[in-house]
N, C-alpha and C. Protein backbone atom coordinates (compact mmCIF):
# COMPACT_ATOMS: atom_id res chain seq x y z
N MET A 1 -17.27 -38.78 26.62
CA MET A 1 -17.36 -39.45 25.35
C MET A 1 -16.06 -39.21 24.58
N SER A 2 -15.55 -40.25 23.96
CA SER A 2 -14.30 -40.10 23.22
C SER A 2 -14.57 -39.73 21.77
N GLN A 3 -13.53 -39.24 21.14
CA GLN A 3 -13.64 -38.81 19.75
C GLN A 3 -13.25 -39.97 18.83
N HIS A 4 -13.98 -40.13 17.74
CA HIS A 4 -13.69 -41.19 16.78
C HIS A 4 -12.30 -40.97 16.19
N LYS A 5 -11.56 -42.07 15.96
CA LYS A 5 -10.17 -41.95 15.51
C LYS A 5 -10.03 -41.25 14.16
N SER A 6 -11.06 -41.30 13.31
CA SER A 6 -10.97 -40.63 12.01
C SER A 6 -11.10 -39.11 12.13
N LEU A 7 -11.59 -38.63 13.27
CA LEU A 7 -11.77 -37.19 13.47
C LEU A 7 -10.60 -36.55 14.21
N LYS A 8 -9.74 -37.36 14.79
CA LYS A 8 -8.62 -36.81 15.54
C LYS A 8 -7.58 -36.23 14.60
N MET A 9 -6.92 -35.15 15.05
CA MET A 9 -5.89 -34.51 14.25
C MET A 9 -4.56 -35.18 14.54
N SER A 10 -3.84 -35.49 13.51
CA SER A 10 -2.52 -36.09 13.68
C SER A 10 -1.45 -35.02 13.55
N GLY A 11 -0.26 -35.33 13.98
CA GLY A 11 0.85 -34.39 13.84
C GLY A 11 0.84 -33.29 14.87
N GLY A 12 0.24 -33.53 16.01
CA GLY A 12 0.28 -32.53 17.08
C GLY A 12 -0.65 -31.36 16.86
N GLY A 13 -1.64 -31.49 16.01
CA GLY A 13 -2.61 -30.42 15.82
C GLY A 13 -2.18 -29.34 14.86
N LEU A 14 -1.19 -29.61 14.01
CA LEU A 14 -0.78 -28.61 13.03
C LEU A 14 -1.86 -28.43 11.99
N GLN A 15 -2.09 -27.18 11.59
CA GLN A 15 -3.11 -26.90 10.60
C GLN A 15 -2.57 -27.10 9.20
N LYS A 16 -3.45 -27.57 8.32
CA LYS A 16 -3.10 -27.68 6.91
C LYS A 16 -3.23 -26.32 6.24
N LYS A 17 -2.67 -26.22 5.05
CA LYS A 17 -2.83 -25.00 4.26
C LYS A 17 -4.27 -24.95 3.76
N ARG A 18 -4.90 -23.80 3.90
CA ARG A 18 -6.27 -23.65 3.42
C ARG A 18 -6.26 -23.62 1.90
N SER A 19 -7.23 -24.27 1.29
CA SER A 19 -7.30 -24.29 -0.17
C SER A 19 -8.22 -23.21 -0.72
N VAL A 20 -8.94 -22.53 0.16
CA VAL A 20 -9.87 -21.48 -0.27
C VAL A 20 -9.46 -20.18 0.39
N LEU A 21 -9.36 -19.13 -0.42
CA LEU A 21 -8.96 -17.82 0.09
C LEU A 21 -10.18 -16.93 0.32
N LYS A 22 -10.07 -16.03 1.28
CA LYS A 22 -11.09 -15.01 1.48
C LYS A 22 -10.99 -14.01 0.33
N ARG A 23 -12.03 -13.21 0.13
CA ARG A 23 -12.04 -12.26 -0.99
C ARG A 23 -10.86 -11.29 -0.90
N TRP A 24 -10.60 -10.75 0.29
CA TRP A 24 -9.50 -9.79 0.43
C TRP A 24 -8.15 -10.46 0.17
N GLU A 25 -8.02 -11.75 0.51
CA GLU A 25 -6.77 -12.47 0.22
C GLU A 25 -6.60 -12.66 -1.28
N ARG A 26 -7.70 -12.95 -1.97
CA ARG A 26 -7.64 -13.10 -3.43
C ARG A 26 -7.27 -11.78 -4.10
N ILE A 27 -7.84 -10.68 -3.62
CA ILE A 27 -7.53 -9.37 -4.19
C ILE A 27 -6.05 -9.05 -3.97
N ASP A 28 -5.52 -9.32 -2.77
CA ASP A 28 -4.10 -9.08 -2.51
C ASP A 28 -3.23 -9.89 -3.44
N GLU A 29 -3.58 -11.16 -3.65
CA GLU A 29 -2.81 -12.03 -4.54
C GLU A 29 -2.87 -11.53 -5.98
N LEU A 30 -4.06 -11.09 -6.42
CA LEU A 30 -4.21 -10.57 -7.78
C LEU A 30 -3.42 -9.27 -7.96
N ARG A 31 -3.38 -8.43 -6.91
CA ARG A 31 -2.60 -7.19 -6.98
C ARG A 31 -1.12 -7.50 -7.17
N LYS A 32 -0.61 -8.49 -6.43
CA LYS A 32 0.79 -8.89 -6.55
C LYS A 32 1.11 -9.35 -7.97
N GLN A 33 0.13 -10.00 -8.60
CA GLN A 33 0.32 -10.51 -9.96
C GLN A 33 0.03 -9.45 -11.02
N GLY A 34 -0.51 -8.29 -10.60
CA GLY A 34 -0.83 -7.22 -11.53
C GLY A 34 -2.11 -7.47 -12.31
N ARG A 35 -2.98 -8.30 -11.77
CA ARG A 35 -4.22 -8.66 -12.46
C ARG A 35 -5.45 -7.98 -11.87
N TYR A 36 -5.26 -7.06 -10.91
CA TYR A 36 -6.38 -6.34 -10.30
C TYR A 36 -5.99 -4.89 -10.10
N GLN A 37 -6.85 -3.98 -10.53
CA GLN A 37 -6.61 -2.56 -10.34
C GLN A 37 -7.62 -2.04 -9.31
N ASP A 38 -7.21 -1.04 -8.54
CA ASP A 38 -8.11 -0.42 -7.57
C ASP A 38 -9.33 0.14 -8.29
N GLY A 39 -10.49 -0.04 -7.68
CA GLY A 39 -11.72 0.45 -8.26
C GLY A 39 -12.43 -0.57 -9.13
N ALA A 40 -11.78 -1.68 -9.42
CA ALA A 40 -12.42 -2.74 -10.21
C ALA A 40 -13.46 -3.47 -9.35
N PRO A 41 -14.50 -4.04 -9.96
CA PRO A 41 -15.51 -4.74 -9.16
C PRO A 41 -14.91 -5.94 -8.43
N VAL A 42 -15.43 -6.22 -7.25
CA VAL A 42 -14.91 -7.33 -6.44
C VAL A 42 -15.69 -8.62 -6.65
N GLN A 43 -16.74 -8.59 -7.45
CA GLN A 43 -17.45 -9.81 -7.79
C GLN A 43 -16.82 -10.43 -9.02
N HIS A 44 -16.96 -11.73 -9.15
CA HIS A 44 -16.48 -12.49 -10.32
C HIS A 44 -14.97 -12.35 -10.51
N LEU A 45 -14.22 -12.47 -9.41
CA LEU A 45 -12.77 -12.40 -9.49
C LEU A 45 -12.24 -13.67 -10.14
N PRO A 46 -11.12 -13.58 -10.86
CA PRO A 46 -10.53 -14.80 -11.42
C PRO A 46 -10.01 -15.71 -10.32
N LYS A 47 -9.90 -16.98 -10.63
CA LYS A 47 -9.40 -17.95 -9.66
C LYS A 47 -7.93 -17.71 -9.38
N THR A 48 -7.51 -17.98 -8.15
CA THR A 48 -6.12 -17.87 -7.78
C THR A 48 -5.73 -19.10 -6.97
N LYS A 49 -4.47 -19.47 -7.03
CA LYS A 49 -3.96 -20.57 -6.22
C LYS A 49 -3.61 -20.06 -4.84
N ALA A 50 -3.86 -20.87 -3.83
CA ALA A 50 -3.47 -20.50 -2.47
C ALA A 50 -1.97 -20.63 -2.35
N SER A 51 -1.31 -19.56 -1.92
CA SER A 51 0.15 -19.60 -1.81
C SER A 51 0.56 -20.31 -0.53
N ALA A 52 1.77 -20.78 -0.50
CA ALA A 52 2.26 -21.56 0.64
C ALA A 52 2.55 -20.71 1.81
């Protein structure tokens, strides 16, 4: 069975940048920005932009 053309990946299968970060990635980004201190709760973290 073939794959529908709208589902095929273009550009040789290169992945796009993910727009959603894992919790540990968000914490690392917040640490770099100085907006998270060790020992702070990990729930209800502020939003962060996914870096390139």
